[in-house]
Every structure is written in C-alpha cells, then in structure tokens.
Amino acid sequence: MRPDILTAVRFNEAGLIPAIAQQHDTHEVLMLAWMNSESILETLKTGEVCYYSRSRSTLWRKGETSGHTQKLIEMRLDCDGDTVLLRVDQRGPACHTGNPNCFFQTVGAGGELTQI
C-alpha cells in the first residue's frame, strides 16, 4: 500500500513535483527544488530534506556537500496536489551562492534586475 502522500500527489509527466522550502519560524521562502516519490519518502523517513536533482538525475540530499542542511518540520501539500511546501529548519545559507535564500534578485518595473 502506498503512503497517503504518494496517492495524493500529482506528479508531472517526468514523475516530479515542485517543492518550496520555507523557514518554519520566520516564514521566509528559501528555495524551490524538485522531488520525486523516492525523495519524498526519504525525507519523511530521515527528517532531513532530500530532493531530486534534474541535472544529475539522482537524489540530492540538501547540504550533503555544503553542510547547509534542512531539517523537516512539516510537509504540506497544496489544494491541487501539485506542489509541496516544506517547512524546514535551515542550517546555514539555503542558496548555493551563499545567500540566505535563492530569491535575492528583485525585478524593477522595466525588467531590470537588482540584487538585494
């Protein structure tokens, strides 16, 4: 029998679902990545967030090389079942650039980018 979460999730044609990571206590949006059924189960089993790397076609445990891990506090599924929200305790910066989150560029009215 499949866990409820895997029955409820609407994976895309590649077997993936977008996952938004949010700091649980500040509600700061940290990043967006992808998960498949295996990474969801691994995250639930270990309590440490595991994603699916589309570029490497393999599981990617957040922080496995940087040490900047994400402890799962709560997993939520949106109303359509096509996006996962991961409420996490982020240890260190979330972005591979060293920024606290991946959303450090603002877009002006004319389309210009500014780093904050």
N, C-alpha and C. Protein backbone atom coordinates (compact mmCIF):
# COMPACT_ATOMS: atom_id res chain seq x y z
N MET A 1 0.83 -1.19 0.00
CA MET A 1 0.00 0.00 0.00
C MET A 1 0.88 1.25 0.00
N ARG A 2 0.57 2.19 -0.86
CA ARG A 2 1.32 3.45 -0.94
C ARG A 2 0.92 4.38 0.19
N PRO A 3 1.88 5.12 0.73
CA PRO A 3 1.52 6.13 1.74
C PRO A 3 0.55 7.15 1.15
N ASP A 4 -0.31 7.71 1.99
CA ASP A 4 -1.30 8.70 1.53
C ASP A 4 -0.69 9.80 0.69
N ILE A 5 0.48 10.30 1.09
CA ILE A 5 1.10 11.41 0.38
C ILE A 5 1.36 11.05 -1.08
N LEU A 6 1.81 9.85 -1.35
CA LEU A 6 2.11 9.47 -2.73
C LEU A 6 0.85 9.26 -3.55
N THR A 7 -0.23 8.95 -2.92
CA THR A 7 -1.51 8.82 -3.62
C THR A 7 -2.09 10.20 -3.92
N ALA A 8 -1.87 11.14 -3.02
CA ALA A 8 -2.44 12.48 -3.15
C ALA A 8 -1.66 13.39 -4.10
N VAL A 9 -0.36 13.14 -4.23
CA VAL A 9 0.50 14.00 -5.06
C VAL A 9 0.20 13.80 -6.53
N ARG A 10 0.16 14.91 -7.25
CA ARG A 10 0.01 14.87 -8.71
C ARG A 10 1.37 15.19 -9.32
N PHE A 11 2.15 14.15 -9.58
CA PHE A 11 3.46 14.32 -10.19
C PHE A 11 3.29 14.74 -11.65
N ASN A 12 4.27 15.48 -12.18
CA ASN A 12 4.22 15.85 -13.59
C ASN A 12 4.61 14.65 -14.45
N GLU A 13 4.69 14.85 -15.76
CA GLU A 13 4.97 13.76 -16.69
C GLU A 13 6.35 13.13 -16.46
N ALA A 14 7.24 13.87 -15.81
CA ALA A 14 8.58 13.35 -15.50
C ALA A 14 8.63 12.68 -14.12
N GLY A 15 7.48 12.60 -13.45
CA GLY A 15 7.43 11.98 -12.13
C GLY A 15 7.92 12.89 -11.02
N LEU A 16 7.87 14.20 -11.26
CA LEU A 16 8.38 15.19 -10.31
C LEU A 16 7.28 16.13 -9.84
N ILE A 17 7.53 16.77 -8.70
CA ILE A 17 6.64 17.78 -8.16
C ILE A 17 7.50 18.91 -7.61
N PRO A 18 7.12 20.18 -7.86
CA PRO A 18 7.90 21.28 -7.28
C PRO A 18 7.74 21.31 -5.76
N ALA A 19 8.83 21.64 -5.08
CA ALA A 19 8.84 21.70 -3.62
C ALA A 19 9.41 23.05 -3.19
N ILE A 20 8.63 23.79 -2.46
CA ILE A 20 9.05 25.08 -1.94
C ILE A 20 9.53 24.88 -0.51
N ALA A 21 10.74 25.34 -0.22
CA ALA A 21 11.28 25.27 1.14
C ALA A 21 11.06 26.61 1.82
N GLN A 22 10.50 26.57 3.02
CA GLN A 22 10.20 27.77 3.79
C GLN A 22 10.75 27.60 5.20
N GLN A 23 11.44 28.62 5.71
CA GLN A 23 11.91 28.58 7.10
C GLN A 23 10.70 28.56 8.02
N HIS A 24 10.62 27.57 8.89
CA HIS A 24 9.41 27.33 9.67
C HIS A 24 9.06 28.46 10.64
N ASP A 25 10.05 29.13 11.22
CA ASP A 25 9.73 30.12 12.25
C ASP A 25 9.59 31.55 11.71
N THR A 26 10.29 31.87 10.62
CA THR A 26 10.20 33.23 10.05
C THR A 26 9.28 33.29 8.83
N HIS A 27 8.96 32.15 8.26
CA HIS A 27 8.14 32.02 7.06
C HIS A 27 8.85 32.52 5.79
N GLU A 28 10.16 32.75 5.88
CA GLU A 28 10.94 33.17 4.72
C GLU A 28 10.96 32.05 3.69
N VAL A 29 10.66 32.39 2.43
CA VAL A 29 10.76 31.42 1.35
C VAL A 29 12.24 31.29 1.00
N LEU A 30 12.76 30.07 1.08
CA LEU A 30 14.18 29.84 0.89
C LEU A 30 14.56 29.44 -0.52
N MET A 31 13.80 28.54 -1.11
CA MET A 31 14.18 28.00 -2.41
C MET A 31 13.05 27.17 -3.00
N LEU A 32 13.21 26.83 -4.26
CA LEU A 32 12.33 25.89 -4.94
C LEU A 32 13.20 24.82 -5.56
N ALA A 33 12.80 23.58 -5.37
CA ALA A 33 13.52 22.46 -5.98
C ALA A 33 12.47 21.43 -6.40
N TRP A 34 12.91 20.27 -6.80
CA TRP A 34 12.01 19.22 -7.28
C TRP A 34 12.14 17.98 -6.41
N MET A 35 11.05 17.26 -6.28
CA MET A 35 11.04 15.99 -5.56
C MET A 35 10.37 14.94 -6.43
N ASN A 36 10.75 13.69 -6.22
CA ASN A 36 10.04 12.56 -6.81
C ASN A 36 9.54 11.70 -5.64
N SER A 37 8.90 10.59 -5.93
CA SER A 37 8.34 9.78 -4.86
C SER A 37 9.44 9.28 -3.91
N GLU A 38 10.58 8.91 -4.46
CA GLU A 38 11.67 8.39 -3.63
C GLU A 38 12.21 9.47 -2.69
N SER A 39 12.36 10.70 -3.18
CA SER A 39 12.89 11.76 -2.33
C SER A 39 11.88 12.17 -1.25
N ILE A 40 10.60 12.10 -1.56
CA ILE A 40 9.57 12.37 -0.55
C ILE A 40 9.65 11.34 0.56
N LEU A 41 9.72 10.07 0.19
CA LEU A 41 9.79 9.01 1.20
C LEU A 41 11.08 9.10 2.02
N GLU A 42 12.19 9.41 1.37
CA GLU A 42 13.47 9.55 2.07
C GLU A 42 13.41 10.72 3.07
N THR A 43 12.80 11.81 2.67
CA THR A 43 12.65 12.98 3.55
C THR A 43 11.81 12.61 4.77
N LEU A 44 10.70 11.93 4.54
CA LEU A 44 9.83 11.54 5.65
C LEU A 44 10.50 10.52 6.57
N LYS A 45 11.29 9.65 5.99
CA LYS A 45 11.97 8.60 6.77
C LYS A 45 13.08 9.19 7.65
N THR A 46 13.88 10.11 7.10
CA THR A 46 15.06 10.61 7.81
C THR A 46 14.83 11.92 8.55
N GLY A 47 13.83 12.70 8.11
CA GLY A 47 13.62 14.02 8.70
C GLY A 47 14.56 15.08 8.15
N GLU A 48 15.44 14.68 7.24
CA GLU A 48 16.33 15.61 6.54
C GLU A 48 15.86 15.70 5.09
N VAL A 49 15.75 16.93 4.58
CA VAL A 49 15.15 17.11 3.26
C VAL A 49 16.06 16.57 2.16
N CYS A 50 15.43 15.81 1.29
CA CYS A 50 16.09 15.19 0.14
C CYS A 50 15.29 15.58 -1.11
N TYR A 51 15.98 16.09 -2.10
CA TYR A 51 15.34 16.50 -3.35
C TYR A 51 15.77 15.56 -4.48
N TYR A 52 15.23 15.82 -5.67
CA TYR A 52 15.66 15.10 -6.86
C TYR A 52 16.39 16.10 -7.75
N SER A 53 17.61 15.81 -8.12
CA SER A 53 18.39 16.67 -8.99
C SER A 53 18.08 16.34 -10.44
N ARG A 54 17.48 17.28 -11.13
CA ARG A 54 17.17 17.05 -12.55
C ARG A 54 18.44 17.03 -13.39
N SER A 55 19.44 17.82 -13.04
CA SER A 55 20.67 17.86 -13.83
C SER A 55 21.51 16.59 -13.67
N ARG A 56 21.47 15.98 -12.47
CA ARG A 56 22.25 14.77 -12.23
C ARG A 56 21.41 13.49 -12.30
N SER A 57 20.09 13.65 -12.39
CA SER A 57 19.17 12.51 -12.43
C SER A 57 19.35 11.57 -11.25
N THR A 58 19.44 12.16 -10.06
CA THR A 58 19.63 11.36 -8.85
C THR A 58 19.11 12.12 -7.64
N LEU A 59 18.99 11.41 -6.53
CA LEU A 59 18.59 12.08 -5.30
C LEU A 59 19.68 13.05 -4.86
N TRP A 60 19.25 14.13 -4.22
CA TRP A 60 20.16 15.17 -3.76
C TRP A 60 19.76 15.53 -2.34
N ARG A 61 20.56 15.14 -1.41
CA ARG A 61 20.31 15.47 -0.01
C ARG A 61 20.83 16.87 0.25
N LYS A 62 19.93 17.78 0.58
CA LYS A 62 20.31 19.17 0.80
C LYS A 62 21.41 19.24 1.84
N GLY A 63 22.51 19.88 1.47
CA GLY A 63 23.62 20.07 2.38
C GLY A 63 24.64 18.95 2.39
N GLU A 64 24.51 17.96 1.51
CA GLU A 64 25.43 16.82 1.56
C GLU A 64 26.87 17.23 1.28
N THR A 65 27.09 18.30 0.54
CA THR A 65 28.46 18.77 0.32
C THR A 65 28.74 20.06 1.09
N SER A 66 27.76 20.93 1.23
CA SER A 66 27.97 22.22 1.89
C SER A 66 27.80 22.16 3.41
N GLY A 67 27.06 21.17 3.88
CA GLY A 67 26.73 21.11 5.30
C GLY A 67 25.54 21.97 5.67
N HIS A 68 24.96 22.66 4.71
CA HIS A 68 23.81 23.54 4.94
C HIS A 68 22.51 22.75 4.75
N THR A 69 22.18 21.98 5.75
CA THR A 69 21.07 21.04 5.67
C THR A 69 19.73 21.67 6.03
N GLN A 70 18.68 20.94 5.72
CA GLN A 70 17.32 21.34 6.05
C GLN A 70 16.66 20.22 6.85
N LYS A 71 16.32 20.53 8.09
CA LYS A 71 15.58 19.58 8.92
C LYS A 71 14.09 19.81 8.65
N LEU A 72 13.39 18.74 8.32
CA LEU A 72 11.96 18.85 8.03
C LEU A 72 11.19 19.08 9.34
N ILE A 73 10.39 20.13 9.36
CA ILE A 73 9.50 20.40 10.47
C ILE A 73 8.09 19.94 10.11
N GLU A 74 7.68 20.24 8.87
CA GLU A 74 6.33 19.87 8.42
C GLU A 74 6.31 19.84 6.90
N MET A 75 5.59 18.87 6.34
CA MET A 75 5.37 18.81 4.90
C MET A 75 3.90 19.07 4.65
N ARG A 76 3.63 19.96 3.70
CA ARG A 76 2.25 20.27 3.32
C ARG A 76 2.08 20.06 1.82
N LEU A 77 0.87 19.76 1.44
CA LEU A 77 0.51 19.59 0.03
C LEU A 77 -0.52 20.65 -0.32
N ASP A 78 -0.36 21.31 -1.46
CA ASP A 78 -1.32 22.36 -1.81
C ASP A 78 -2.66 21.76 -2.24
N CYS A 79 -3.65 22.63 -2.44
CA CYS A 79 -5.03 22.21 -2.70
C CYS A 79 -5.19 21.37 -3.96
N ASP A 80 -4.31 21.58 -4.95
CA ASP A 80 -4.39 20.82 -6.20
C ASP A 80 -3.52 19.56 -6.18
N GLY A 81 -2.71 19.43 -5.15
CA GLY A 81 -1.83 18.27 -5.05
C GLY A 81 -0.64 18.32 -5.97
N ASP A 82 -0.34 19.53 -6.52
CA ASP A 82 0.75 19.61 -7.47
C ASP A 82 1.94 20.44 -7.01
N THR A 83 1.98 20.78 -5.73
CA THR A 83 3.12 21.49 -5.15
C THR A 83 3.25 21.09 -3.68
N VAL A 84 4.48 20.87 -3.25
CA VAL A 84 4.76 20.54 -1.87
C VAL A 84 5.38 21.76 -1.19
N LEU A 85 4.95 22.03 0.03
CA LEU A 85 5.57 23.05 0.86
C LEU A 85 6.31 22.34 1.99
N LEU A 86 7.59 22.61 2.08
CA LEU A 86 8.42 22.02 3.13
C LEU A 86 8.75 23.11 4.13
N ARG A 87 8.20 22.99 5.33
CA ARG A 87 8.55 23.91 6.41
C ARG A 87 9.76 23.30 7.09
N VAL A 88 10.88 24.02 7.06
CA VAL A 88 12.16 23.46 7.45
C VAL A 88 12.87 24.32 8.49
N ASP A 89 13.87 23.72 9.11
CA ASP A 89 14.84 24.46 9.90
C ASP A 89 16.12 24.44 9.08
N GLN A 90 16.40 25.56 8.43
CA GLN A 90 17.57 25.68 7.56
C GLN A 90 18.81 25.92 8.41
N ARG A 91 19.85 25.13 8.15
CA ARG A 91 21.13 25.30 8.85
C ARG A 91 22.13 25.86 7.85
N GLY A 92 22.47 27.14 8.00
CA GLY A 92 23.36 27.81 7.05
C GLY A 92 22.55 28.38 5.91
N PRO A 93 23.22 28.99 4.93
CA PRO A 93 22.50 29.57 3.80
C PRO A 93 21.82 28.49 2.96
N ALA A 94 20.66 28.84 2.42
CA ALA A 94 19.93 27.89 1.59
C ALA A 94 20.43 27.86 0.15
N CYS A 95 20.93 28.99 -0.33
CA CYS A 95 21.33 29.10 -1.73
C CYS A 95 22.78 28.68 -1.93
N HIS A 96 23.04 28.04 -3.06
CA HIS A 96 24.41 27.61 -3.39
C HIS A 96 25.35 28.80 -3.60
N THR A 97 24.79 30.01 -3.76
CA THR A 97 25.61 31.22 -3.93
C THR A 97 26.11 31.75 -2.59
N GLY A 98 25.60 31.19 -1.50
CA GLY A 98 25.95 31.68 -0.17
C GLY A 98 24.93 32.66 0.38
N ASN A 99 23.93 33.01 -0.41
CA ASN A 99 22.87 33.89 0.07
C ASN A 99 21.93 33.11 0.98
N PRO A 100 21.28 33.81 1.91
CA PRO A 100 20.37 33.13 2.83
C PRO A 100 19.24 32.39 2.13
N ASN A 101 18.78 32.94 1.00
CA ASN A 101 17.75 32.27 0.20
C ASN A 101 18.07 32.47 -1.27
N CYS A 102 17.33 31.80 -2.13
CA CYS A 102 17.59 31.87 -3.57
C CYS A 102 16.91 33.06 -4.26
N PHE A 103 16.12 33.82 -3.50
CA PHE A 103 15.35 34.92 -4.09
C PHE A 103 15.93 36.26 -3.68
N PHE A 104 17.17 36.52 -4.11
CA PHE A 104 17.88 37.74 -3.72
C PHE A 104 17.95 38.76 -4.86
N GLN A 105 17.22 38.54 -5.94
CA GLN A 105 17.18 39.49 -7.04
C GLN A 105 15.77 40.05 -7.17
N THR A 106 15.67 41.38 -7.22
CA THR A 106 14.37 42.00 -7.45
C THR A 106 14.27 42.42 -8.90
N VAL A 107 13.06 42.44 -9.42
CA VAL A 107 12.81 42.83 -10.80
C VAL A 107 12.07 44.16 -10.78
N GLY A 108 12.68 45.19 -11.38
CA GLY A 108 12.06 46.51 -11.45
C GLY A 108 10.96 46.55 -12.50
N ALA A 109 10.24 47.65 -12.52
CA ALA A 109 9.12 47.83 -13.45
C ALA A 109 9.56 47.69 -14.91
N GLY A 110 10.79 48.08 -15.22
CA GLY A 110 11.30 47.97 -16.57
C GLY A 110 11.99 46.65 -16.86
N GLY A 111 11.98 45.74 -15.88
CA GLY A 111 12.58 44.43 -16.07
C GLY A 111 14.02 44.33 -15.61
N GLU A 112 14.57 45.42 -15.09
CA GLU A 112 15.97 45.37 -14.63
C GLU A 112 16.08 44.58 -13.32
N LEU A 113 17.19 43.88 -13.20
CA LEU A 113 17.44 43.08 -12.01
C LEU A 113 18.34 43.83 -11.05
N THR A 114 18.01 43.75 -9.77
CA THR A 114 18.81 44.33 -8.71
C THR A 114 19.00 43.29 -7.63
N GLN A 115 20.23 43.12 -7.18
CA GLN A 115 20.48 42.18 -6.08
C GLN A 115 20.26 42.88 -4.75
N ILE A 116 19.57 42.19 -3.85
CA ILE A 116 19.33 42.79 -2.52
C ILE A 116 20.20 42.12 -1.48
